C-alpha cells in the first residue's frame, strides 16, 4: 500500500494523517482527534473507554476500525487506530465536548439540506452554484460544470438501467471513458493535476469539461441504442464514447498546436489569476 504521510493542524494541535493512494482516502489518528476534542490528559484511555462503549452499542465504527503504523512523539512508529472521514464524523457525534458541538451542528445542517434536496433537487444546483462561486470559479465555468453534472447523472442512470453496479463497476467504465478520450487513466489524469481526494472535474478547464461531457453523453446515447447486458459490453461502449471525444481532442490539438489536457489544477489556476489581477492594479 502506497501512502503519503501528512500532518494536519486542528486548532494548533497536530493530528497525524495518512493518505492511501489505492483507496483515495485520508486516514486520521483517532486518539489525536479525541485528544483535540476532549482535551483529555490521557486521550488513549478516553478512546479505550469510548471504544468499549461503542462496541457494546454495536457501532460499525469499532467493527470497521483500521490500524496503521504512525510515528509517535518518541520518533518510533506504532500501530494506531485510524478513521476515514466518514468514520471520523460518526466518532465526533459520540464525543460529549464543547469543541465537538460545532461539528454536530454542521452535520445536522448538512443532513437537513440533503433532505431538502431530495424533495426539491433544484436546491442542490443552487447550493452547488453558491459553493463554486465562493471558491472563486468563474460563472462561465460553473455553468459548464453544472451541465456536466446533469450529463453524468444521465449516464449513471443509463448504467443502472443496464445493471452496472455502483462503485467498482462505475469506476471501471469511467476509467475506460477517460482513457479513451485523454490517453490517461483517471488516476494518471489526477496525478498530472497533482490531485488526491479532489474531484477531477472540478479541476478541468472549460475545454476539458466540454470534451468529457461529449465522451459521457456519447456513451449514454450509444448505450441506449445498443442496450448492453454485460460489463464487457458496457466497457466496449464506454470506449467508443470516449474515442469519439478523443478524436475531437486530437483535431483541436492539431489546429491549435497545443495540448488540450492541462496539468493545471483549479488552485493553481486561481493563484495565477490572482497574480495577474495584482499586476493589472
C-alpha atoms as a PDB file:
ATOM      1  CA  UNK A   1       0.000   0.000   0.000  1.00  0.00           C
ATOM      2  CA  UNK A   2       1.487   3.329  -1.048  1.00  0.00           C
ATOM      3  CA  UNK A   3       0.750   6.142   1.362  1.00  0.00           C
ATOM      4  CA  UNK A   4       1.803   9.724   1.605  1.00  0.00           C
ATOM      5  CA  UNK A   5       2.211  10.954   5.173  1.00  0.00           C
ATOM      6  CA  UNK A   6       0.995  14.404   6.148  1.00  0.00           C
ATOM      7  CA  UNK A   7       0.299  16.414   9.306  1.00  0.00           C
ATOM      8  CA  UNK A   8      -2.950  18.341   9.614  1.00  0.00           C
ATOM      9  CA  UNK A   9      -3.409  21.226  12.019  1.00  0.00           C
ATOM     10  CA  UNK A  10      -6.531  21.308  14.170  1.00  0.00           C
ATOM     11  CA  UNK A  11      -6.628  24.433  16.331  1.00  0.00           C
ATOM     12  CA  UNK A  12      -2.847  24.381  16.803  1.00  0.00           C
ATOM     13  CA  UNK A  13      -2.876  20.651  17.598  1.00  0.00           C
ATOM     14  CA  UNK A  14      -1.095  18.046  15.496  1.00  0.00           C
ATOM     15  CA  UNK A  15      -3.307  15.371  14.006  1.00  0.00           C
ATOM     16  CA  UNK A  16      -1.494  12.542  12.255  1.00  0.00           C
ATOM     17  CA  UNK A  17      -2.958  11.515   8.926  1.00  0.00           C
ATOM     18  CA  UNK A  18      -2.089   9.069   6.162  1.00  0.00           C
ATOM     19  CA  UNK A  19      -3.111   9.226   2.505  1.00  0.00           C
ATOM     20  CA  UNK A  20      -3.980   5.888   0.901  1.00  0.00           C
ATOM     21  CA  UNK A  21      -3.410   6.117  -2.858  1.00  0.00           C
ATOM     22  CA  UNK A  22      -5.286   2.916  -3.654  1.00  0.00           C
ATOM     23  CA  UNK A  23      -8.464   3.787  -1.761  1.00  0.00           C
ATOM     24  CA  UNK A  24      -8.022   7.536  -2.294  1.00  0.00           C
ATOM     25  CA  UNK A  25      -8.793   8.250   1.354  1.00  0.00           C
ATOM     26  CA  UNK A  26      -7.283  10.196   4.218  1.00  0.00           C
ATOM     27  CA  UNK A  27      -6.971   8.234   7.458  1.00  0.00           C
ATOM     28  CA  UNK A  28      -6.840  10.197  10.716  1.00  0.00           C
ATOM     29  CA  UNK A  29      -5.370   9.109  14.050  1.00  0.00           C
ATOM     30  CA  UNK A  30      -8.408   8.617  16.300  1.00  0.00           C
ATOM     31  CA  UNK A  31      -6.512   9.213  19.531  1.00  0.00           C
ATOM     32  CA  UNK A  32      -5.223  12.544  18.186  1.00  0.00           C
ATOM     33  CA  UNK A  33      -8.757  13.668  17.308  1.00  0.00           C
ATOM     34  CA  UNK A  34     -10.027  12.518  20.698  1.00  0.00           C
ATOM     35  CA  UNK A  35      -7.239  14.460  22.384  1.00  0.00           C
ATOM     36  CA  UNK A  36      -8.076  17.644  20.496  1.00  0.00           C
ATOM     37  CA  UNK A  37     -11.828  17.480  21.095  1.00  0.00           C
ATOM     38  CA  UNK A  38     -11.780  16.365  24.729  1.00  0.00           C
ATOM     39  CA  UNK A  39      -8.525  17.968  25.917  1.00  0.00           C
ATOM     40  CA  UNK A  40      -8.112  14.818  27.975  1.00  0.00           C
ATOM     41  CA  UNK A  41      -4.801  14.338  29.771  1.00  0.00           C
ATOM     42  CA  UNK A  42      -4.972  10.701  28.686  1.00  0.00           C
ATOM     43  CA  UNK A  43      -6.656  10.509  25.248  1.00  0.00           C
ATOM     44  CA  UNK A  44      -5.563   6.883  24.840  1.00  0.00           C
ATOM     45  CA  UNK A  45      -7.567   5.860  27.891  1.00  0.00           C
ATOM     46  CA  UNK A  46     -10.507   8.049  26.841  1.00  0.00           C
ATOM     47  CA  UNK A  47     -10.589   6.316  23.448  1.00  0.00           C
ATOM     48  CA  UNK A  48     -10.290   2.905  25.114  1.00  0.00           C
ATOM     49  CA  UNK A  49     -13.377   3.585  27.264  1.00  0.00           C
ATOM     50  CA  UNK A  50     -15.306   5.145  24.371  1.00  0.00           C
ATOM     51  CA  UNK A  51     -14.410   2.256  22.080  1.00  0.00           C
ATOM     52  CA  UNK A  52     -15.696  -0.228  24.641  1.00  0.00           C
ATOM     53  CA  UNK A  53     -18.996   1.669  24.926  1.00  0.00           C
ATOM     54  CA  UNK A  54     -19.408   1.915  21.153  1.00  0.00           C
ATOM     55  CA  UNK A  55     -18.650  -1.794  20.791  1.00  0.00           C
ATOM     56  CA  UNK A  56     -21.424  -2.655  23.261  1.00  0.00           C
ATOM     57  CA  UNK A  57     -23.772  -0.461  21.223  1.00  0.00           C
ATOM     58  CA  UNK A  58     -22.876  -2.432  18.109  1.00  0.00           C
ATOM     59  CA  UNK A  59     -21.254   0.551  16.402  1.00  0.00           C
ATOM     60  CA  UNK A  60     -19.816  -0.206  12.955  1.00  0.00           C
ATOM     61  CA  UNK A  61     -17.133   2.386  13.661  1.00  0.00           C
ATOM     62  CA  UNK A  62     -15.389  -0.009  16.060  1.00  0.00           C
ATOM     63  CA  UNK A  63     -16.067  -3.072  13.891  1.00  0.00           C
ATOM     64  CA  UNK A  64     -14.561  -1.449  10.792  1.00  0.00           C
ATOM     65  CA  UNK A  65     -11.788   0.428  12.572  1.00  0.00           C
ATOM     66  CA  UNK A  66      -8.431   0.126  10.781  1.00  0.00           C
ATOM     67  CA  UNK A  67      -4.909   0.348  12.158  1.00  0.00           C
ATOM     68  CA  UNK A  68      -1.889   1.937  10.506  1.00  0.00           C
ATOM     69  CA  UNK A  69       1.665   2.421  11.687  1.00  0.00           C
ATOM     70  CA  UNK A  70       2.152   6.080  12.601  1.00  0.00           C
ATOM     71  CA  UNK A  71       5.079   7.966  14.026  1.00  0.00           C
ATOM     72  CA  UNK A  72       4.695   8.797  17.710  1.00  0.00           C
ATOM     73  CA  UNK A  73       6.207  11.651  19.727  1.00  0.00           C
ATOM     74  CA  UNK A  74       9.205   9.436  20.556  1.00  0.00           C
ATOM     75  CA  UNK A  75      10.028   9.126  16.850  1.00  0.00           C
ATOM     76  CA  UNK A  76       9.031   5.463  16.668  1.00  0.00           C
ATOM     77  CA  UNK A  77       6.145   4.018  14.644  1.00  0.00           C
ATOM     78  CA  UNK A  78       3.333   2.171  16.387  1.00  0.00           C
ATOM     79  CA  UNK A  79       0.063   0.641  15.197  1.00  0.00           C
ATOM     80  CA  UNK A  80      -2.607   3.289  15.666  1.00  0.00           C
ATOM     81  CA  UNK A  81      -6.396   3.167  15.364  1.00  0.00           C
ATOM     82  CA  UNK A  82      -7.426   5.318  12.399  1.00  0.00           C
ATOM     83  CA  UNK A  83     -10.678   6.504  10.831  1.00  0.00           C
ATOM     84  CA  UNK A  84     -11.552   7.769   7.378  1.00  0.00           C
ATOM     85  CA  UNK A  85     -13.571  10.990   7.025  1.00  0.00           C
ATOM     86  CA  UNK A  86     -16.981   9.306   7.277  1.00  0.00           C
ATOM     87  CA  UNK A  87     -15.940   7.313  10.344  1.00  0.00           C
ATOM     88  CA  UNK A  88     -14.394  10.420  11.873  1.00  0.00           C
ATOM     89  CA  UNK A  89     -17.639  12.385  11.593  1.00  0.00           C
ATOM     90  CA  UNK A  90     -19.503   9.475  13.192  1.00  0.00           C
ATOM     91  CA  UNK A  91     -16.959   9.411  16.023  1.00  0.00           C
ATOM     92  CA  UNK A  92     -17.377  13.131  16.686  1.00  0.00           C
ATOM     93  CA  UNK A  93     -21.105  12.574  17.252  1.00  0.00           C
ATOM     94  CA  UNK A  94     -20.238  10.216  20.128  1.00  0.00           C
ATOM     95  CA  UNK A  95     -17.982  12.671  21.961  1.00  0.00           C
ATOM     96  CA  UNK A  96     -19.693  14.946  24.533  1.00  0.00           C
ATOM     97  CA  UNK A  97     -17.491  18.003  24.233  1.00  0.00           C
ATOM     98  CA  UNK A  98     -17.971  21.753  23.577  1.00  0.00           C
ATOM     99  CA  UNK A  99     -15.365  21.501  20.831  1.00  0.00           C
ATOM    100  CA  UNK A 100     -17.342  18.727  19.126  1.00  0.00           C
ATOM    101  CA  UNK A 101     -20.609  20.675  19.223  1.00  0.00           C
ATOM    102  CA  UNK A 102     -19.919  22.877  16.137  1.00  0.00           C
ATOM    103  CA  UNK A 103     -19.310  19.708  14.110  1.00  0.00           C
ATOM    104  CA  UNK A 104     -22.578  18.210  15.350  1.00  0.00           C
ATOM    105  CA  UNK A 105     -24.494  21.369  14.435  1.00  0.00           C
ATOM    106  CA  UNK A 106     -22.885  21.346  10.983  1.00  0.00           C
ATOM    107  CA  UNK A 107     -23.753  17.667  10.452  1.00  0.00           C
ATOM    108  CA  UNK A 108     -27.384  18.354  11.402  1.00  0.00           C
ATOM    109  CA  UNK A 109     -27.481  21.264   8.939  1.00  0.00           C
ATOM    110  CA  UNK A 110     -25.985  19.156   6.128  1.00  0.00           C
ATOM    111  CA  UNK A 111     -28.455  16.351   6.870  1.00  0.00           C
ATOM    112  CA  UNK A 112     -31.370  18.774   6.709  1.00  0.00           C
ATOM    113  CA  UNK A 113     -30.104  20.215   3.415  1.00  0.00           C
ATOM    114  CA  UNK A 114     -29.859  16.721   1.905  1.00  0.00           C
ATOM    115  CA  UNK A 115     -33.490  16.056   2.872  1.00  0.00           C
ATOM    116  CA  UNK A 116     -34.469  19.368   1.241  1.00  0.00           C
ATOM    117  CA  UNK A 117     -32.578  18.434  -1.925  1.00  0.00           C
ATOM    118  CA  UNK A 118     -34.376  15.093  -2.098  1.00  0.00           C
ATOM    119  CA  UNK A 119     -37.707  16.915  -2.050  1.00  0.00           C
ATOM    120  CA  UNK A 120     -36.502  19.686  -4.387  1.00  0.00           C
ATOM    121  CA  UNK A 121     -33.405  18.708  -6.483  1.00  0.00           C
ATOM    122  CA  UNK A 122     -33.103  22.272  -7.798  1.00  0.00           C
ATOM    123  CA  UNK A 123     -31.830  23.317  -4.375  1.00  0.00           C
ATOM    124  CA  UNK A 124     -28.781  21.082  -4.916  1.00  0.00           C
ATOM    125  CA  UNK A 125     -27.864  23.054  -8.047  1.00  0.00           C
ATOM    126  CA  UNK A 126     -28.391  26.370  -6.252  1.00  0.00           C
ATOM    127  CA  UNK A 127     -26.102  25.290  -3.412  1.00  0.00           C
ATOM    128  CA  UNK A 128     -23.518  23.974  -5.871  1.00  0.00           C
ATOM    129  CA  UNK A 129     -23.534  27.335  -7.688  1.00  0.00           C
ATOM    130  CA  UNK A 130     -23.055  29.163  -4.393  1.00  0.00           C
ATOM    131  CA  UNK A 131     -20.224  26.846  -3.320  1.00  0.00           C
ATOM    132  CA  UNK A 132     -18.325  27.196  -6.602  1.00  0.00           C
ATOM    133  CA  UNK A 133     -18.695  30.994  -6.523  1.00  0.00           C
ATOM    134  CA  UNK A 134     -17.242  31.067  -3.001  1.00  0.00           C
ATOM    135  CA  UNK A 135     -14.288  29.010  -4.248  1.00  0.00           C
ATOM    136  CA  UNK A 136     -13.550  31.614  -6.904  1.00  0.00           C
ATOM    137  CA  UNK A 137     -14.705  29.830 -10.066  1.00  0.00           C
ATOM    138  CA  UNK A 138     -15.998  31.955 -12.967  1.00  0.00           C
ATOM    139  CA  UNK A 139     -19.720  31.970 -13.786  1.00  0.00           C
ATOM    140  CA  UNK A 140     -18.965  30.570 -17.255  1.00  0.00           C
ATOM    141  CA  UNK A 141     -17.015  27.643 -15.796  1.00  0.00           C
ATOM    142  CA  UNK A 142     -19.716  26.982 -13.175  1.00  0.00           C
ATOM    143  CA  UNK A 143     -22.414  26.782 -15.842  1.00  0.00           C
ATOM    144  CA  UNK A 144     -20.311  24.226 -17.722  1.00  0.00           C
ATOM    145  CA  UNK A 145     -19.720  22.277 -14.512  1.00  0.00           C
ATOM    146  CA  UNK A 146     -23.400  22.150 -13.591  1.00  0.00           C
ATOM    147  CA  UNK A 147     -24.191  20.943 -17.101  1.00  0.00           C
ATOM    148  CA  UNK A 148     -21.546  18.239 -16.717  1.00  0.00           C
ATOM    149  CA  UNK A 149     -23.292  17.067 -13.533  1.00  0.00           C
ATOM    150  CA  UNK A 150     -26.531  16.698 -15.496  1.00  0.00           C
ATOM    151  CA  UNK A 151     -24.742  14.752 -18.248  1.00  0.00           C
ATOM    152  CA  UNK A 152     -23.050  12.484 -15.698  1.00  0.00           C
ATOM    153  CA  UNK A 153     -26.368  11.823 -13.946  1.00  0.00           C
ATOM    154  CA  UNK A 154     -27.946  10.739 -17.228  1.00  0.00           C
ATOM    155  CA  UNK A 155     -25.038   8.357 -17.850  1.00  0.00           C
ATOM    156  CA  UNK A 156     -25.264   6.977 -14.306  1.00  0.00           C
ATOM    157  CA  UNK A 157     -28.994   6.364 -14.735  1.00  0.00           C
ATOM    158  CA  UNK A 158     -28.316   4.549 -18.019  1.00  0.00           C
ATOM    159  CA  UNK A 159     -25.665   2.358 -16.402  1.00  0.00           C
ATOM    160  CA  UNK A 160     -28.019   1.462 -13.569  1.00  0.00           C
ATOM    161  CA  UNK A 161     -30.669   0.588 -16.169  1.00  0.00           C
ATOM    162  CA  UNK A 162     -28.144  -1.792 -17.762  1.00  0.00           C
ATOM    163  CA  UNK A 163     -27.375  -3.471 -14.432  1.00  0.00           C
ATOM    164  CA  UNK A 164     -23.975  -1.868 -13.862  1.00  0.00           C
ATOM    165  CA  UNK A 165     -23.097  -1.861 -10.155  1.00  0.00           C
ATOM    166  CA  UNK A 166     -22.279   1.405  -8.450  1.00  0.00           C
ATOM    167  CA  UNK A 167     -18.785   1.660  -7.051  1.00  0.00           C
ATOM    168  CA  UNK A 168     -16.186  -0.576  -8.657  1.00  0.00           C
ATOM    169  CA  UNK A 169     -18.019  -1.160 -11.974  1.00  0.00           C
ATOM    170  CA  UNK A 170     -18.884   2.526 -12.348  1.00  0.00           C
ATOM    171  CA  UNK A 171     -15.202   3.273 -11.739  1.00  0.00           C
ATOM    172  CA  UNK A 172     -14.102   0.722 -14.363  1.00  0.00           C
ATOM    173  CA  UNK A 173     -16.354   2.264 -17.018  1.00  0.00           C
ATOM    174  CA  UNK A 174     -15.431   5.829 -16.075  1.00  0.00           C
ATOM    175  CA  UNK A 175     -11.779   4.883 -16.355  1.00  0.00           C
ATOM    176  CA  UNK A 176     -12.434   3.397 -19.806  1.00  0.00           C
ATOM    177  CA  UNK A 177     -14.075   6.627 -20.998  1.00  0.00           C
ATOM    178  CA  UNK A 178     -11.321   8.802 -19.537  1.00  0.00           C
ATOM    179  CA  UNK A 179      -8.521   6.752 -21.054  1.00  0.00           C
ATOM    180  CA  UNK A 180     -10.208   6.689 -24.461  1.00  0.00           C
ATOM    181  CA  UNK A 181     -10.520  10.471 -24.756  1.00  0.00           C
ATOM    182  CA  UNK A 182      -7.437  11.653 -22.818  1.00  0.00           C
ATOM    183  CA  UNK A 183      -4.961   8.799 -23.269  1.00  0.00           C
ATOM    184  CA  UNK A 184      -4.672   8.667 -19.470  1.00  0.00           C
ATOM    185  CA  UNK A 185      -6.334   6.602 -16.786  1.00  0.00           C
ATOM    186  CA  UNK A 186      -8.372   8.557 -14.254  1.00  0.00           C
ATOM    187  CA  UNK A 187      -5.604   8.101 -11.683  1.00  0.00           C
ATOM    188  CA  UNK A 188      -2.922   9.277 -14.136  1.00  0.00           C
ATOM    189  CA  UNK A 189      -5.061  12.281 -15.032  1.00  0.00           C
ATOM    190  CA  UNK A 190      -5.425  13.200 -11.339  1.00  0.00           C
ATOM    191  CA  UNK A 191      -1.697  12.704 -10.780  1.00  0.00           C
ATOM    192  CA  UNK A 192      -0.985  15.043 -13.704  1.00  0.00           C
ATOM    193  CA  UNK A 193      -3.025  17.719 -11.957  1.00  0.00           C
ATOM    194  CA  UNK A 194      -1.477  16.873  -8.563  1.00  0.00           C
ATOM    195  CA  UNK A 195      -4.823  15.854  -7.077  1.00  0.00           C
ATOM    196  CA  UNK A 196      -5.695  13.409  -4.324  1.00  0.00           C
ATOM    197  CA  UNK A 197      -9.248  13.367  -2.986  1.00  0.00           C
ATOM    198  CA  UNK A 198     -10.302  16.392  -5.044  1.00  0.00           C
ATOM    199  CA  UNK A 199     -12.877  15.915  -7.792  1.00  0.00           C
ATOM    200  CA  UNK A 200     -11.182  15.664 -11.190  1.00  0.00           C
ATOM    201  CA  UNK A 201     -13.949  17.561 -12.999  1.00  0.00           C
ATOM    202  CA  UNK A 202     -13.632  20.450 -10.538  1.00  0.00           C
ATOM    203  CA  UNK A 203     -10.069  20.839 -11.797  1.00  0.00           C
ATOM    204  CA  UNK A 204     -10.743  20.689 -15.526  1.00  0.00           C
ATOM    205  CA  UNK A 205     -10.562  23.653 -17.864  1.00  0.00           C
ATOM    206  CA  UNK A 206     -13.672  24.637 -19.836  1.00  0.00           C
ATOM    207  CA  UNK A 207     -12.426  22.706 -22.854  1.00  0.00           C
ATOM    208  CA  UNK A 208     -11.587  19.624 -20.811  1.00  0.00           C
ATOM    209  CA  UNK A 209     -15.076  19.728 -19.294  1.00  0.00           C
ATOM    210  CA  UNK A 210     -16.722  20.039 -22.708  1.00  0.00           C
ATOM    211  CA  UNK A 211     -14.822  17.066 -24.116  1.00  0.00           C
ATOM    212  CA  UNK A 212     -15.506  14.984 -21.028  1.00  0.00           C
ATOM    213  CA  UNK A 213     -19.212  15.795 -21.397  1.00  0.00           C
ATOM    214  CA  UNK A 214     -19.051  14.801 -25.068  1.00  0.00           C
ATOM    215  CA  UNK A 215     -17.474  11.479 -24.099  1.00  0.00           C
ATOM    216  CA  UNK A 216     -20.087  10.738 -21.429  1.00  0.00           C
ATOM    217  CA  UNK A 217     -23.089  11.978 -23.439  1.00  0.00           C
ATOM    218  CA  UNK A 218     -21.986   9.928 -26.460  1.00  0.00           C
ATOM    219  CA  UNK A 219     -21.540   6.836 -24.285  1.00  0.00           C
ATOM    220  CA  UNK A 220     -25.083   7.336 -22.950  1.00  0.00           C
ATOM    221  CA  UNK A 221     -26.595   7.594 -26.430  1.00  0.00           C
ATOM    222  CA  UNK A 222     -24.733   4.541 -27.766  1.00  0.00           C
ATOM    223  CA  UNK A 223     -25.761   2.545 -24.704  1.00  0.00           C
ATOM    224  CA  UNK A 224     -29.412   3.477 -25.159  1.00  0.00           C
ATOM    225  CA  UNK A 225     -29.302   2.169 -28.717  1.00  0.00           C
ATOM    226  CA  UNK A 226     -27.149  -0.950 -28.153  1.00  0.00           C
ATOM    227  CA  UNK A 227     -28.644  -1.921 -24.770  1.00  0.00           C
ATOM    228  CA  UNK A 228     -25.575  -3.800 -23.423  1.00  0.00           C
ATOM    229  CA  UNK A 229     -26.241  -6.603 -20.956  1.00  0.00           C
ATOM    230  CA  UNK A 230     -22.805  -7.349 -19.511  1.00  0.00           C
ATOM    231  CA  UNK A 231     -19.908  -5.347 -18.056  1.00  0.00           C
ATOM    232  CA  UNK A 232     -17.599  -6.171 -21.030  1.00  0.00           C
ATOM    233  CA  UNK A 233     -20.296  -4.927 -23.422  1.00  0.00           C
ATOM    234  CA  UNK A 234     -20.685  -1.728 -21.389  1.00  0.00           C
ATOM    235  CA  UNK A 235     -16.919  -1.343 -21.376  1.00  0.00           C
ATOM    236  CA  UNK A 236     -16.795  -1.561 -25.175  1.00  0.00           C
ATOM    237  CA  UNK A 237     -19.438   1.157 -25.461  1.00  0.00           C
ATOM    238  CA  UNK A 238     -17.617   3.337 -22.896  1.00  0.00           C
ATOM    239  CA  UNK A 239     -14.504   3.050 -25.052  1.00  0.00           C
ATOM    240  CA  UNK A 240     -16.480   4.009 -28.156  1.00  0.00           C
ATOM    241  CA  UNK A 241     -17.947   7.093 -26.489  1.00  0.00           C
ATOM    242  CA  UNK A 242     -14.568   8.159 -25.171  1.00  0.00           C
ATOM    243  CA  UNK A 243     -12.875   7.555 -28.513  1.00  0.00           C
ATOM    244  CA  UNK A 244     -15.237   9.952 -30.302  1.00  0.00           C
ATOM    245  CA  UNK A 245     -14.298  12.699 -27.840  1.00  0.00           C
ATOM    246  CA  UNK A 246     -10.646  11.655 -28.133  1.00  0.00           C
ATOM    247  CA  UNK A 247     -10.745  12.122 -31.904  1.00  0.00           C
ATOM    248  CA  UNK A 248     -12.191  15.609 -31.370  1.00  0.00           C
ATOM    249  CA  UNK A 249      -9.428  16.378 -28.879  1.00  0.00           C
ATOM    250  CA  UNK A 250      -6.755  15.394 -31.368  1.00  0.00           C
ATOM    251  CA  UNK A 251      -8.335  17.565 -34.093  1.00  0.00           C
ATOM    252  CA  UNK A 252      -8.360  20.550 -31.736  1.00  0.00           C
ATOM    253  CA  UNK A 253      -4.726  19.952 -30.773  1.00  0.00           C
ATOM    254  CA  UNK A 254      -3.757  19.696 -34.437  1.00  0.00           C
ATOM    255  CA  UNK A 255      -5.408  23.044 -35.200  1.00  0.00           C
ATOM    256  CA  UNK A 256      -4.183  24.887 -32.077  1.00  0.00           C
ATOM    257  CA  UNK A 257      -0.767  23.302 -31.790  1.00  0.00           C
ATOM    258  CA  UNK A 258      -1.128  22.743 -28.048  1.00  0.00           C
ATOM    259  CA  UNK A 259      -2.377  20.053 -25.722  1.00  0.00           C
ATOM    260  CA  UNK A 260      -5.968  20.132 -24.516  1.00  0.00           C
ATOM    261  CA  UNK A 261      -5.048  18.080 -21.438  1.00  0.00           C
ATOM    262  CA  UNK A 262      -3.817  20.597 -18.890  1.00  0.00           C
ATOM    263  CA  UNK A 263      -1.667  19.820 -15.838  1.00  0.00           C
ATOM    264  CA  UNK A 264      -3.032  22.945 -14.146  1.00  0.00           C
ATOM    265  CA  UNK A 265      -5.496  22.349 -11.327  1.00  0.00           C
ATOM    266  CA  UNK A 266      -8.124  24.759 -10.029  1.00  0.00           C
ATOM    267  CA  UNK A 267      -5.998  26.006  -7.131  1.00  0.00           C
ATOM    268  CA  UNK A 268      -3.059  26.825  -9.403  1.00  0.00           C
ATOM    269  CA  UNK A 269      -5.357  28.486 -11.938  1.00  0.00           C
ATOM    270  CA  UNK A 270      -6.889  30.759  -9.281  1.00  0.00           C
ATOM    271  CA  UNK A 271      -3.429  31.636  -7.947  1.00  0.00           C
ATOM    272  CA  UNK A 272      -2.360  32.585 -11.463  1.00  0.00           C
ATOM    273  CA  UNK A 273      -5.471  34.728 -11.933  1.00  0.00           C
ATOM    274  CA  UNK A 274      -4.847  36.455  -8.579  1.00  0.00           C
ATOM    275  CA  UNK A 275      -1.254  37.260  -9.592  1.00  0.00           C
ATOM    276  CA  UNK A 276      -2.446  38.672 -12.922  1.00  0.00           C
ATOM    277  CA  UNK A 277      -5.019  40.852 -11.145  1.00  0.00           C
ATOM    278  CA  UNK A 278      -2.358  42.271  -8.841  1.00  0.00           C
ATOM    279  CA  UNK A 279      -0.128  43.076 -11.826  1.00  0.00           C
ATOM    280  CA  UNK A 280      -3.002  44.891 -13.528  1.00  0.00           C
ATOM    281  CA  UNK A 281      -3.704  47.021 -10.438  1.00  0.00           C
END
